Structures are given as structure tokens and as C-alpha cells.
């Protein structure tokens, strides 16, 4: 599940905040369950306009945590931050929903 809030700065750019929560059962290599949580901010520049179909450049900076639960009930926790910059394309729909796909480098600490 990803929840986000964004604000248009001008016709072509915007900023936003997001929260992502992932939980799934693994059942492999002694790992029973995985839970991940991410909090971050984003800046986007659209080449055509912010509220239309357009090519874009997106950058994110986030902080996250990952918890692994093993079959014996032990929990291993890791935290870190990351930065991503990628180029892509945004499809914007009339109900104020957009879908973006892109590719680019990222760094995770």
C-alpha cells in the first residue's frame, strides 16, 4: 500500500510526501515474514505539464525499515535511507489519479 500527498509548485513541477507499508509471508530460508515501511519526499518535473500525460524526471529521498521474522520467532530489524533519480512517463486521468513508470539509478544505505 502506498499513500501520497502532492502539491503543484507551478505548471511543470511539484513536491510530495509518501508512506509505503509492505507485509508478506516469505516461508523461505528460515524467514517466515517480512515487513517494510518507508517514509519519504519527492520532487517531480514534468516536461509538458504537471496535470497531463507527460515525460518527467522524479527524485525521491526516503527513510525506511525492514523487519524479518524467522520461524523460531526471532526478529531482525534494519533501517536505512535511500535516494532515487529516474526518468519516466506519467499518465494522468480525469479523476485526478496518475500512473508513472520510470527507470534510473538509486542509492540505498
PDB file of N, CA and C in Angstrom:
ATOM      1  N   UNK A   1       0.846  -1.174   0.000  1.00  0.00           N
ATOM      2  CA  UNK A   1       0.000   0.000   0.000  1.00  0.00           C
ATOM      3  C   UNK A   1       0.890   1.236   0.000  1.00  0.00           C
ATOM      4  N   UNK A   2       0.626   2.158  -0.891  1.00  0.00           N
ATOM      5  CA  UNK A   2       1.354   3.422  -0.940  1.00  0.00           C
ATOM      6  C   UNK A   2       0.343   4.551  -0.833  1.00  0.00           C
ATOM      7  N   UNK A   3       0.607   5.483   0.071  1.00  0.00           N
ATOM      8  CA  UNK A   3      -0.225   6.676   0.212  1.00  0.00           C
ATOM      9  C   UNK A   3       0.650   7.884  -0.032  1.00  0.00           C
ATOM     10  N   UNK A   4       0.155   8.832  -0.780  1.00  0.00           N
ATOM     11  CA  UNK A   4       0.947  10.008  -1.083  1.00  0.00           C
ATOM     12  C   UNK A   4       0.112  11.263  -1.117  1.00  0.00           C
ATOM     13  N   UNK A   5       0.787  12.372  -0.929  1.00  0.00           N
ATOM     14  CA  UNK A   5       0.178  13.694  -0.984  1.00  0.00           C
ATOM     15  C   UNK A   5       1.124  14.559  -1.793  1.00  0.00           C
ATOM     16  N   UNK A   6       0.606  15.260  -2.784  1.00  0.00           N
ATOM     17  CA  UNK A   6       1.490  16.111  -3.565  1.00  0.00           C
ATOM     18  C   UNK A   6       0.896  17.505  -3.734  1.00  0.00           C
ATOM     19  N   UNK A   7       1.775  18.437  -4.093  1.00  0.00           N
ATOM     20  CA  UNK A   7       1.387  19.831  -4.264  1.00  0.00           C
ATOM     21  C   UNK A   7       2.089  20.358  -5.514  1.00  0.00           C
ATOM     22  N   UNK A   8       1.340  20.951  -6.404  1.00  0.00           N
ATOM     23  CA  UNK A   8       1.892  21.518  -7.624  1.00  0.00           C
ATOM     24  C   UNK A   8       2.546  22.863  -7.312  1.00  0.00           C
ATOM     25  N   UNK A   9       3.829  22.991  -7.638  1.00  0.00           N
ATOM     26  CA  UNK A   9       4.542  24.256  -7.417  1.00  0.00           C
ATOM     27  C   UNK A   9       4.282  25.256  -8.530  1.00  0.00           C
ATOM     28  N   UNK A  10       4.233  24.767  -9.748  1.00  0.00           N
ATOM     29  CA  UNK A  10       3.902  25.585 -10.915  1.00  0.00           C
ATOM     30  C   UNK A  10       3.338  24.656 -11.986  1.00  0.00           C
ATOM     31  N   UNK A  11       3.304  25.091 -13.227  1.00  0.00           N
ATOM     32  CA  UNK A  11       2.699  24.297 -14.292  1.00  0.00           C
ATOM     33  C   UNK A  11       3.443  22.987 -14.555  1.00  0.00           C
ATOM     34  N   UNK A  12       4.753  22.940 -14.249  1.00  0.00           N
ATOM     35  CA  UNK A  12       5.550  21.770 -14.601  1.00  0.00           C
ATOM     36  C   UNK A  12       6.115  20.972 -13.423  1.00  0.00           C
ATOM     37  N   UNK A  13       6.078  21.483 -12.206  1.00  0.00           N
ATOM     38  CA  UNK A  13       6.759  20.782 -11.117  1.00  0.00           C
ATOM     39  C   UNK A  13       5.892  20.687  -9.871  1.00  0.00           C
ATOM     40  N   UNK A  14       6.269  19.733  -9.028  1.00  0.00           N
ATOM     41  CA  UNK A  14       5.542  19.525  -7.787  1.00  0.00           C
ATOM     42  C   UNK A  14       6.393  18.812  -6.760  1.00  0.00           C
ATOM     43  N   UNK A  15       5.944  18.854  -5.517  1.00  0.00           N
ATOM     44  CA  UNK A  15       6.599  18.154  -4.412  1.00  0.00           C
ATOM     45  C   UNK A  15       5.564  17.273  -3.739  1.00  0.00           C
ATOM     46  N   UNK A  16       6.041  16.280  -3.014  1.00  0.00           N
ATOM     47  CA  UNK A  16       5.101  15.399  -2.343  1.00  0.00           C
ATOM     48  C   UNK A  16       5.745  14.606  -1.237  1.00  0.00           C
ATOM     49  N   UNK A  17       4.903  13.959  -0.463  1.00  0.00           N
ATOM     50  CA  UNK A  17       5.322  13.087   0.625  1.00  0.00           C
ATOM     51  C   UNK A  17       4.618  11.749   0.437  1.00  0.00           C
ATOM     52  N   UNK A  18       5.267  10.664   0.856  1.00  0.00           N
ATOM     53  CA  UNK A  18       4.642   9.358   0.698  1.00  0.00           C
ATOM     54  C   UNK A  18       4.979   8.443   1.870  1.00  0.00           C
ATOM     55  N   UNK A  19       4.100   7.469   2.071  1.00  0.00           N
ATOM     56  CA  UNK A  19       4.252   6.427   3.080  1.00  0.00           C
ATOM     57  C   UNK A  19       3.945   5.106   2.395  1.00  0.00           C
ATOM     58  N   UNK A  20       4.809   4.125   2.594  1.00  0.00           N
ATOM     59  CA  UNK A  20       4.600   2.804   1.991  1.00  0.00           C
ATOM     60  C   UNK A  20       4.745   1.740   3.065  1.00  0.00           C
ATOM     61  N   UNK A  21       3.822   0.798   3.084  1.00  0.00           N
ATOM     62  CA  UNK A  21       3.837  -0.318   4.041  1.00  0.00           C
ATOM     63  C   UNK A  21       3.667  -1.616   3.254  1.00  0.00           C
ATOM     64  N   UNK A  22       4.619  -2.533   3.417  1.00  0.00           N
ATOM     65  CA  UNK A  22       4.568  -3.825   2.735  1.00  0.00           C
ATOM     66  C   UNK A  22       4.708  -4.918   3.780  1.00  0.00           C
ATOM     67  N   UNK A  23       3.838  -5.894   3.721  1.00  0.00           N
ATOM     68  CA  UNK A  23       3.897  -7.039   4.622  1.00  0.00           C
ATOM     69  C   UNK A  23       3.587  -8.287   3.811  1.00  0.00           C
ATOM     70  N   UNK A  24       4.457  -9.289   3.927  1.00  0.00           N
ATOM     71  CA  UNK A  24       4.196 -10.523   3.187  1.00  0.00           C
ATOM     72  C   UNK A  24       4.846 -11.717   3.875  1.00  0.00           C
ATOM     73  N   UNK A  25       4.304 -12.871   3.608  1.00  0.00           N
ATOM     74  CA  UNK A  25       4.847 -14.124   4.115  1.00  0.00           C
ATOM     75  C   UNK A  25       5.858 -14.645   3.106  1.00  0.00           C
ATOM     76  N   UNK A  26       7.038 -15.034   3.601  1.00  0.00           N
ATOM     77  CA  UNK A  26       8.114 -15.497   2.732  1.00  0.00           C
ATOM     78  C   UNK A  26       8.203 -17.026   2.740  1.00  0.00           C
ATOM     79  N   UNK A  27       8.322 -17.612   3.933  1.00  0.00           N
ATOM     80  CA  UNK A  27       8.462 -19.065   4.115  1.00  0.00           C
ATOM     81  C   UNK A  27       9.596 -19.655   3.283  1.00  0.00           C
ATOM     82  N   UNK A  28      10.769 -19.005   3.308  1.00  0.00           N
ATOM     83  CA  UNK A  28      11.957 -19.474   2.611  1.00  0.00           C
ATOM     84  C   UNK A  28      13.180 -19.214   3.467  1.00  0.00           C
ATOM     85  N   UNK A  29      14.139 -20.121   3.431  1.00  0.00           N
ATOM     86  CA  UNK A  29      15.429 -19.943   4.110  1.00  0.00           C
ATOM     87  C   UNK A  29      15.272 -19.500   5.562  1.00  0.00           C
ATOM     88  N   UNK A  30      14.363 -20.111   6.280  1.00  0.00           N
ATOM     89  CA  UNK A  30      14.109 -19.849   7.693  1.00  0.00           C
ATOM     90  C   UNK A  30      13.431 -18.500   7.952  1.00  0.00           C
ATOM     91  N   UNK A  31      13.089 -17.753   6.920  1.00  0.00           N
ATOM     92  CA  UNK A  31      12.392 -16.479   7.087  1.00  0.00           C
ATOM     93  C   UNK A  31      10.894 -16.719   6.915  1.00  0.00           C
ATOM     94  N   UNK A  32      10.148 -16.364   7.938  1.00  0.00           N
ATOM     95  CA  UNK A  32       8.698 -16.569   7.929  1.00  0.00           C
ATOM     96  C   UNK A  32       7.963 -15.376   7.318  1.00  0.00           C
ATOM     97  N   UNK A  33       8.341 -14.150   7.747  1.00  0.00           N
ATOM     98  CA  UNK A  33       7.571 -12.963   7.385  1.00  0.00           C
ATOM     99  C   UNK A  33       8.497 -11.768   7.174  1.00  0.00           C
ATOM    100  N   UNK A  34       8.076 -10.841   6.320  1.00  0.00           N
ATOM    101  CA  UNK A  34       8.818  -9.627   6.017  1.00  0.00           C
ATOM    102  C   UNK A  34       7.870  -8.442   6.143  1.00  0.00           C
ATOM    103  N   UNK A  35       8.313  -7.397   6.822  1.00  0.00           N
ATOM    104  CA  UNK A  35       7.543  -6.147   6.899  1.00  0.00           C
ATOM    105  C   UNK A  35       8.469  -4.986   6.585  1.00  0.00           C
ATOM    106  N   UNK A  36       8.020  -4.098   5.695  1.00  0.00           N
ATOM    107  CA  UNK A  36       8.797  -2.931   5.315  1.00  0.00           C
ATOM    108  C   UNK A  36       7.939  -1.683   5.424  1.00  0.00           C
ATOM    109  N   UNK A  37       8.540  -0.596   5.888  1.00  0.00           N
ATOM    110  CA  UNK A  37       7.875   0.697   5.990  1.00  0.00           C
ATOM    111  C   UNK A  37       8.824   1.765   5.465  1.00  0.00           C
ATOM    112  N   UNK A  38       8.308   2.652   4.608  1.00  0.00           N
ATOM    113  CA  UNK A  38       9.100   3.740   4.051  1.00  0.00           C
ATOM    114  C   UNK A  38       8.349   5.054   4.202  1.00  0.00           C
ATOM    115  N   UNK A  39       9.099   6.124   4.543  1.00  0.00           N
ATOM    116  CA  UNK A  39       8.577   7.492   4.604  1.00  0.00           C
ATOM    117  C   UNK A  39       9.506   8.333   3.743  1.00  0.00           C
ATOM    118  N   UNK A  40       8.955   9.198   2.906  1.00  0.00           N
ATOM    119  CA  UNK A  40       9.842   9.977   2.071  1.00  0.00           C
ATOM    120  C   UNK A  40       9.213  11.194   1.446  1.00  0.00           C
ATOM    121  N   UNK A  41      10.060  11.909   0.708  1.00  0.00           N
ATOM    122  CA  UNK A  41       9.607  13.090  -0.015  1.00  0.00           C
ATOM    123  C   UNK A  41      10.042  12.958  -1.470  1.00  0.00           C
ATOM    124  N   UNK A  42       9.357  13.676  -2.340  1.00  0.00           N
ATOM    125  CA  UNK A  42       9.634  13.581  -3.765  1.00  0.00           C
ATOM    126  C   UNK A  42       9.541  14.952  -4.418  1.00  0.00           C
ATOM    127  N   UNK A  43      10.321  15.126  -5.476  1.00  0.00           N
ATOM    128  CA  UNK A  43      10.224  16.300  -6.338  1.00  0.00           C
ATOM    129  C   UNK A  43      10.090  15.781  -7.764  1.00  0.00           C
ATOM    130  N   UNK A  44       9.166  16.331  -8.524  1.00  0.00           N
ATOM    131  CA  UNK A  44       8.953  15.896  -9.904  1.00  0.00           C
ATOM    132  C   UNK A  44       8.927  17.110 -10.835  1.00  0.00           C
ATOM    133  N   UNK A  45       9.549  16.923 -12.001  1.00  0.00           N
ATOM    134  CA  UNK A  45       9.472  17.931 -13.048  1.00  0.00           C
ATOM    135  C   UNK A  45       8.896  17.257 -14.289  1.00  0.00           C
ATOM    136  N   UNK A  46       7.750  17.731 -14.766  1.00  0.00           N
ATOM    137  CA  UNK A  46       7.099  17.220 -15.970  1.00  0.00           C
ATOM    138  C   UNK A  46       7.426  18.149 -17.133  1.00  0.00           C
ATOM    139  N   UNK A  47       7.794  17.579 -18.280  1.00  0.00           N
ATOM    140  CA  UNK A  47       8.209  18.391 -19.414  1.00  0.00           C
ATOM    141  C   UNK A  47       7.042  19.082 -20.113  1.00  0.00           C
ATOM    142  N   UNK A  48       5.854  18.488 -20.112  1.00  0.00           N
ATOM    143  CA  UNK A  48       4.687  19.116 -20.731  1.00  0.00           C
ATOM    144  C   UNK A  48       3.921  19.944 -19.695  1.00  0.00           C
ATOM    145  N   UNK A  49       3.308  19.269 -18.733  1.00  0.00           N
ATOM    146  CA  UNK A  49       2.597  19.936 -17.646  1.00  0.00           C
ATOM    147  C   UNK A  49       2.398  18.928 -16.520  1.00  0.00           C
ATOM    148  N   UNK A  50       2.143  19.435 -15.329  1.00  0.00           N
ATOM    149  CA  UNK A  50       2.028  18.580 -14.146  1.00  0.00           C
ATOM    150  C   UNK A  50       0.753  17.739 -14.157  1.00  0.00           C
ATOM    151  N   UNK A  51      -0.328  18.268 -14.697  1.00  0.00           N
ATOM    152  CA  UNK A  51      -1.617  17.564 -14.711  1.00  0.00           C
ATOM    153  C   UNK A  51      -1.988  17.091 -16.118  1.00  0.00           C
ATOM    154  N   UNK A  52      -1.066  16.397 -16.802  1.00  0.00           N
ATOM    155  CA  UNK A  52      -1.343  15.832 -18.119  1.00  0.00           C
ATOM    156  C   UNK A  52      -0.386  14.667 -18.374  1.00  0.00           C
ATOM    157  N   UNK A  53      -0.602  13.942 -19.464  1.00  0.00           N
ATOM    158  CA  UNK A  53       0.326  12.895 -19.869  1.00  0.00           C
ATOM    159  C   UNK A  53       1.630  13.561 -20.281  1.00  0.00           C
ATOM    160  N   UNK A  54       2.749  13.109 -19.699  1.00  0.00           N
ATOM    161  CA  UNK A  54       3.990  13.821 -19.940  1.00  0.00           C
ATOM    162  C   UNK A  54       5.201  12.987 -19.545  1.00  0.00           C
ATOM    163  N   UNK A  55       6.340  13.234 -20.214  1.00  0.00           N
ATOM    164  CA  UNK A  55       7.619  12.710 -19.747  1.00  0.00           C
ATOM    165  C   UNK A  55       8.022  13.504 -18.514  1.00  0.00           C
ATOM    166  N   UNK A  56       8.780  12.858 -17.607  1.00  0.00           N
ATOM    167  CA  UNK A  56       9.134  13.525 -16.358  1.00  0.00           C
ATOM    168  C   UNK A  56      10.474  13.053 -15.821  1.00  0.00           C
ATOM    169  N   UNK A  57      10.994  13.821 -14.862  1.00  0.00           N
ATOM    170  CA  UNK A  57      12.148  13.451 -14.052  1.00  0.00           C
ATOM    171  C   UNK A  57      11.683  13.505 -12.613  1.00  0.00           C
ATOM    172  N   UNK A  58      11.947  12.445 -11.857  1.00  0.00           N
ATOM    173  CA  UNK A  58      11.486  12.344 -10.473  1.00  0.00           C
ATOM    174  C   UNK A  58      12.650  12.024  -9.568  1.00  0.00           C
ATOM    175  N   UNK A  59      12.725  12.698  -8.417  1.00  0.00           N
ATOM    176  CA  UNK A  59      13.732  12.379  -7.409  1.00  0.00           C
ATOM    177  C   UNK A  59      13.027  12.141  -6.074  1.00  0.00           C
ATOM    178  N   UNK A  60      13.504  11.138  -5.336  1.00  0.00           N
ATOM    179  CA  UNK A  60      12.944  10.845  -4.019  1.00  0.00           C
ATOM    180  C   UNK A  60      14.063  10.694  -3.002  1.00  0.00           C
ATOM    181  N   UNK A  61      13.774  11.053  -1.786  1.00  0.00           N
ATOM    182  CA  UNK A  61      14.650  10.842  -0.637  1.00  0.00           C
ATOM    183  C   UNK A  61      13.779  10.215   0.434  1.00  0.00           C
ATOM    184  N   UNK A  62      14.199   9.049   0.985  1.00  0.00           N
ATOM    185  CA  UNK A  62      13.329   8.328   1.908  1.00  0.00           C
ATOM    186  C   UNK A  62      14.126   7.670   3.029  1.00  0.00           C
ATOM    187  N   UNK A  63      13.415   7.352   4.093  1.00  0.00           N
ATOM    188  CA  UNK A  63      13.930   6.604   5.242  1.00  0.00           C
ATOM    189  C   UNK A  63      13.048   5.384   5.397  1.00  0.00           C
ATOM    190  N   UNK A  64      13.657   4.224   5.623  1.00  0.00           N
ATOM    191  CA  UNK A  64      12.851   3.014   5.700  1.00  0.00           C
ATOM    192  C   UNK A  64      13.362   2.027   6.728  1.00  0.00           C
ATOM    193  N   UNK A  65      12.511   1.062   7.040  1.00  0.00           N
ATOM    194  CA  UNK A  65      12.886  -0.021   7.950  1.00  0.00           C
ATOM    195  C   UNK A  65      12.363  -1.336   7.401  1.00  0.00           C
ATOM    196  N   UNK A  66      13.110  -2.398   7.667  1.00  0.00           N
ATOM    197  CA  UNK A  66      12.736  -3.739   7.252  1.00  0.00           C
ATOM    198  C   UNK A  66      12.873  -4.670   8.444  1.00  0.00           C
ATOM    199  N   UNK A  67      11.846  -5.461   8.697  1.00  0.00           N
ATOM    200  CA  UNK A  67      11.861  -6.447   9.779  1.00  0.00           C
ATOM    201  C   UNK A  67      11.664  -7.834   9.185  1.00  0.00           C
ATOM    202  N   UNK A  68      12.572  -8.743   9.511  1.00  0.00           N
ATOM    203  CA  UNK A  68      12.454 -10.149   9.115  1.00  0.00           C
ATOM    204  C   UNK A  68      12.130 -10.957  10.357  1.00  0.00           C
ATOM    205  N   UNK A  69      11.104 -11.790  10.286  1.00  0.00           N
ATOM    206  CA  UNK A  69      10.766 -12.684  11.385  1.00  0.00           C
ATOM    207  C   UNK A  69      11.070 -14.114  10.937  1.00  0.00           C
ATOM    208  N   UNK A  70      11.889 -14.806  11.742  1.00  0.00           N
ATOM    209  CA  UNK A  70      12.270 -16.174  11.399  1.00  0.00           C
ATOM    210  C   UNK A  70      11.267 -17.168  11.968  1.00  0.00           C
ATOM    211  N   UNK A  71      11.421 -18.427  11.570  1.00  0.00           N
ATOM    212  CA  UNK A  71      10.497 -19.465  12.015  1.00  0.00           C
ATOM    213  C   UNK A  71      10.552 -19.703  13.521  1.00  0.00           C
ATOM    214  N   UNK A  72      11.693 -19.393  14.156  1.00  0.00           N
ATOM    215  CA  UNK A  72      11.779 -19.563  15.608  1.00  0.00           C
ATOM    216  C   UNK A  72      11.296 -18.336  16.387  1.00  0.00           C
ATOM    217  N   UNK A  73      10.757 -17.314  15.666  1.00  0.00           N
ATOM    218  CA  UNK A  73      10.194 -16.136  16.311  1.00  0.00           C
ATOM    219  C   UNK A  73      11.160 -14.984  16.492  1.00  0.00           C
ATOM    220  N   UNK A  74      12.427 -15.144  16.088  1.00  0.00           N
ATOM    221  CA  UNK A  74      13.402 -14.052  16.182  1.00  0.00           C
ATOM    222  C   UNK A  74      13.069 -12.978  15.153  1.00  0.00           C
ATOM    223  N   UNK A  75      13.328 -11.715  15.521  1.00  0.00           N
ATOM    224  CA  UNK A  75      13.078 -10.593  14.624  1.00  0.00           C
ATOM    225  C   UNK A  75      14.385  -9.841  14.392  1.00  0.00           C
ATOM    226  N   UNK A  76      14.723  -9.651  13.126  1.00  0.00           N
ATOM    227  CA  UNK A  76      15.908  -8.907  12.734  1.00  0.00           C
ATOM    228  C   UNK A  76      15.453  -7.637  12.039  1.00  0.00           C
ATOM    229  N   UNK A  77      15.911  -6.488  12.560  1.00  0.00           N
ATOM    230  CA  UNK A  77      15.463  -5.191  12.041  1.00  0.00           C
ATOM    231  C   UNK A  77      16.626  -4.420  11.427  1.00  0.00           C
ATOM    232  N   UNK A  78      16.341  -3.761  10.315  1.00  0.00           N
ATOM    233  CA  UNK A  78      17.321  -2.936   9.622  1.00  0.00           C
ATOM    234  C   UNK A  78      16.661  -1.620   9.242  1.00  0.00           C
ATOM    235  N   UNK A  79      17.412  -0.522   9.368  1.00  0.00           N
ATOM    236  CA  UNK A  79      16.910   0.780   8.937  1.00  0.00           C
ATOM    237  C   UNK A  79      17.949   1.420   8.021  1.00  0.00           C
ATOM    238  N   UNK A  80      17.497   2.317   7.185  1.00  0.00           N
ATOM    239  CA  UNK A  80      18.402   2.994   6.280  1.00  0.00           C
ATOM    240  C   UNK A  80      17.666   4.046   5.478  1.00  0.00           C
ATOM    241  N   UNK A  81      18.422   4.731   4.651  1.00  0.00           N
ATOM    242  CA  UNK A  81      17.842   5.770   3.811  1.00  0.00           C
ATOM    243  C   UNK A  81      18.226   5.499   2.354  1.00  0.00           C
ATOM    244  N   UNK A  82      17.549   6.162   1.459  1.00  0.00           N
ATOM    245  CA  UNK A  82      17.846   5.993   0.050  1.00  0.00           C
ATOM    246  C   UNK A  82      17.503   7.237  -0.742  1.00  0.00           C
ATOM    247  N   UNK A  83      18.096   7.316  -1.903  1.00  0.00           N
ATOM    248  CA  UNK A  83      17.810   8.406  -2.831  1.00  0.00           C
ATOM    249  C   UNK A  83      17.669   7.796  -4.221  1.00  0.00           C
ATOM    250  N   UNK A  84      16.716   8.293  -4.983  1.00  0.00           N
ATOM    251  CA  UNK A  84      16.465   7.790  -6.332  1.00  0.00           C
ATOM    252  C   UNK A  84      16.254   8.974  -7.273  1.00  0.00           C
ATOM    253  N   UNK A  85      16.761   8.826  -8.475  1.00  0.00           N
ATOM    254  CA  UNK A  85      16.513   9.812  -9.533  1.00  0.00           C
ATOM    255  C   UNK A  85      16.207   9.011 -10.789  1.00  0.00           C
ATOM    256  N   UNK A  86      15.059   9.229 -11.382  1.00  0.00           N
ATOM    257  CA  UNK A  86      14.755   8.492 -12.600  1.00  0.00           C
ATOM    258  C   UNK A  86      13.924   9.318 -13.566  1.00  0.00           C
ATOM    259  N   UNK A  87      13.965   8.888 -14.800  1.00  0.00           N
ATOM    260  CA  UNK A  87      13.158   9.484 -15.845  1.00  0.00           C
ATOM    261  C   UNK A  87      12.052   8.520 -16.218  1.00  0.00           C
ATOM    262  N   UNK A  88      10.938   9.064 -16.647  1.00  0.00           N
ATOM    263  CA  UNK A  88       9.826   8.181 -16.981  1.00  0.00           C
ATOM    264  C   UNK A  88       8.704   8.907 -17.683  1.00  0.00           C
ATOM    265  N   UNK A  89       7.547   8.293 -17.620  1.00  0.00           N
ATOM    266  CA  UNK A  89       6.357   8.844 -18.257  1.00  0.00           C
ATOM    267  C   UNK A  89       5.182   8.759 -17.287  1.00  0.00           C
ATOM    268  N   UNK A  90       4.371   9.802 -17.269  1.00  0.00           N
ATOM    269  CA  UNK A  90       3.178   9.863 -16.408  1.00  0.00           C
ATOM    270  C   UNK A  90       1.928   9.882 -17.269  1.00  0.00           C
ATOM    271  N   UNK A  91       0.979   9.026 -16.904  1.00  0.00           N
ATOM    272  CA  UNK A  91      -0.364   9.063 -17.492  1.00  0.00           C
ATOM    273  C   UNK A  91      -1.267   9.711 -16.461  1.00  0.00           C
ATOM    274  N   UNK A  92      -1.943  10.771 -16.840  1.00  0.00           N
ATOM    275  CA  UNK A  92      -2.828  11.497 -15.928  1.00  0.00           C
ATOM    276  C   UNK A  92      -4.268  11.275 -16.361  1.00  0.00           C
ATOM    277  N   UNK A  93      -5.138  10.912 -15.410  1.00  0.00           N
ATOM    278  CA  UNK A  93      -6.538  10.625 -15.700  1.00  0.00           C
ATOM    279  C   UNK A  93      -7.430  11.729 -15.137  1.00  0.00           C
ATOM    280  N   UNK A  94      -8.603  11.894 -15.708  1.00  0.00           N
ATOM    281  CA  UNK A  94      -9.525  12.974 -15.341  1.00  0.00           C
ATOM    282  C   UNK A  94     -10.019  12.903 -13.898  1.00  0.00           C
ATOM    283  N   UNK A  95      -9.902  11.750 -13.236  1.00  0.00           N
ATOM    284  CA  UNK A  95     -10.329  11.629 -11.832  1.00  0.00           C
ATOM    285  C   UNK A  95      -9.199  11.987 -10.868  1.00  0.00           C
ATOM    286  N   UNK A  96      -8.187  12.735 -11.347  1.00  0.00           N
ATOM    287  CA  UNK A  96      -7.043  13.201 -10.550  1.00  0.00           C
ATOM    288  C   UNK A  96      -6.141  12.076 -10.054  1.00  0.00           C
ATOM    289  N   UNK A  97      -6.106  10.983 -10.782  1.00  0.00           N
ATOM    290  CA  UNK A  97      -5.207   9.870 -10.490  1.00  0.00           C
ATOM    291  C   UNK A  97      -4.177   9.816 -11.608  1.00  0.00           C
ATOM    292  N   UNK A  98      -2.925   9.581 -11.235  1.00  0.00           N
ATOM    293  CA  UNK A  98      -1.901   9.436 -12.257  1.00  0.00           C
ATOM    294  C   UNK A  98      -1.118   8.145 -12.017  1.00  0.00           C
ATOM    295  N   UNK A  99      -0.550   7.622 -13.076  1.00  0.00           N
ATOM    296  CA  UNK A  99       0.276   6.425 -13.036  1.00  0.00           C
ATOM    297  C   UNK A  99       1.595   6.770 -13.697  1.00  0.00           C
ATOM    298  N   UNK A 100       2.710   6.459 -13.016  1.00  0.00           N
ATOM    299  CA  UNK A 100       4.031   6.799 -13.518  1.00  0.00           C
ATOM    300  C   UNK A 100       4.887   5.544 -13.598  1.00  0.00           C
ATOM    301  N   UNK A 101       5.647   5.432 -14.667  1.00  0.00           N
ATOM    302  CA  UNK A 101       6.625   4.356 -14.795  1.00  0.00           C
ATOM    303  C   UNK A 101       7.938   4.995 -15.230  1.00  0.00           C
ATOM    304  N   UNK A 102       9.047   4.502 -14.629  1.00  0.00           N
ATOM    305  CA  UNK A 102      10.330   5.099 -14.953  1.00  0.00           C
ATOM    306  C   UNK A 102      11.476   4.170 -14.612  1.00  0.00           C
ATOM    307  N   UNK A 103      12.672   4.642 -14.939  1.00  0.00           N
ATOM    308  CA  UNK A 103      13.877   3.864 -14.728  1.00  0.00           C
ATOM    309  C   UNK A 103      15.021   4.819 -14.412  1.00  0.00           C
ATOM    310  N   UNK A 104      15.884   4.426 -13.479  1.00  0.00           N
ATOM    311  CA  UNK A 104      17.025   5.257 -13.147  1.00  0.00           C
ATOM    312  C   UNK A 104      17.806   4.706 -11.985  1.00  0.00           C
ATOM    313  N   UNK A 105      18.894   5.382 -11.610  1.00  0.00           N
ATOM    314  CA  UNK A 105      19.753   4.899 -10.531  1.00  0.00           C
ATOM    315  C   UNK A 105      19.189   5.200  -9.149  1.00  0.00           C
ATOM    316  N   UNK A 106      19.624   4.403  -8.185  1.00  0.00           N
ATOM    317  CA  UNK A 106      19.250   4.659  -6.794  1.00  0.00           C
ATOM    318  C   UNK A 106      20.419   4.284  -5.888  1.00  0.00           C
ATOM    319  N   UNK A 107      20.451   4.884  -4.715  1.00  0.00           N
ATOM    320  CA  UNK A 107      21.455   4.560  -3.692  1.00  0.00           C
ATOM    321  C   UNK A 107      20.703   4.226  -2.411  1.00  0.00           C
ATOM    322  N   UNK A 108      21.043   3.106  -1.812  1.00  0.00           N
ATOM    323  CA  UNK A 108      20.416   2.685  -0.552  1.00  0.00           C
ATOM    324  C   UNK A 108      21.514   2.438   0.456  1.00  0.00           C
ATOM    325  N   UNK A 109      21.408   3.079   1.608  1.00  0.00           N
ATOM    326  CA  UNK A 109      22.389   2.919   2.683  1.00  0.00           C
ATOM    327  C   UNK A 109      21.986   1.776   3.593  1.00  0.00           C
TER     328      UNK A 109
END
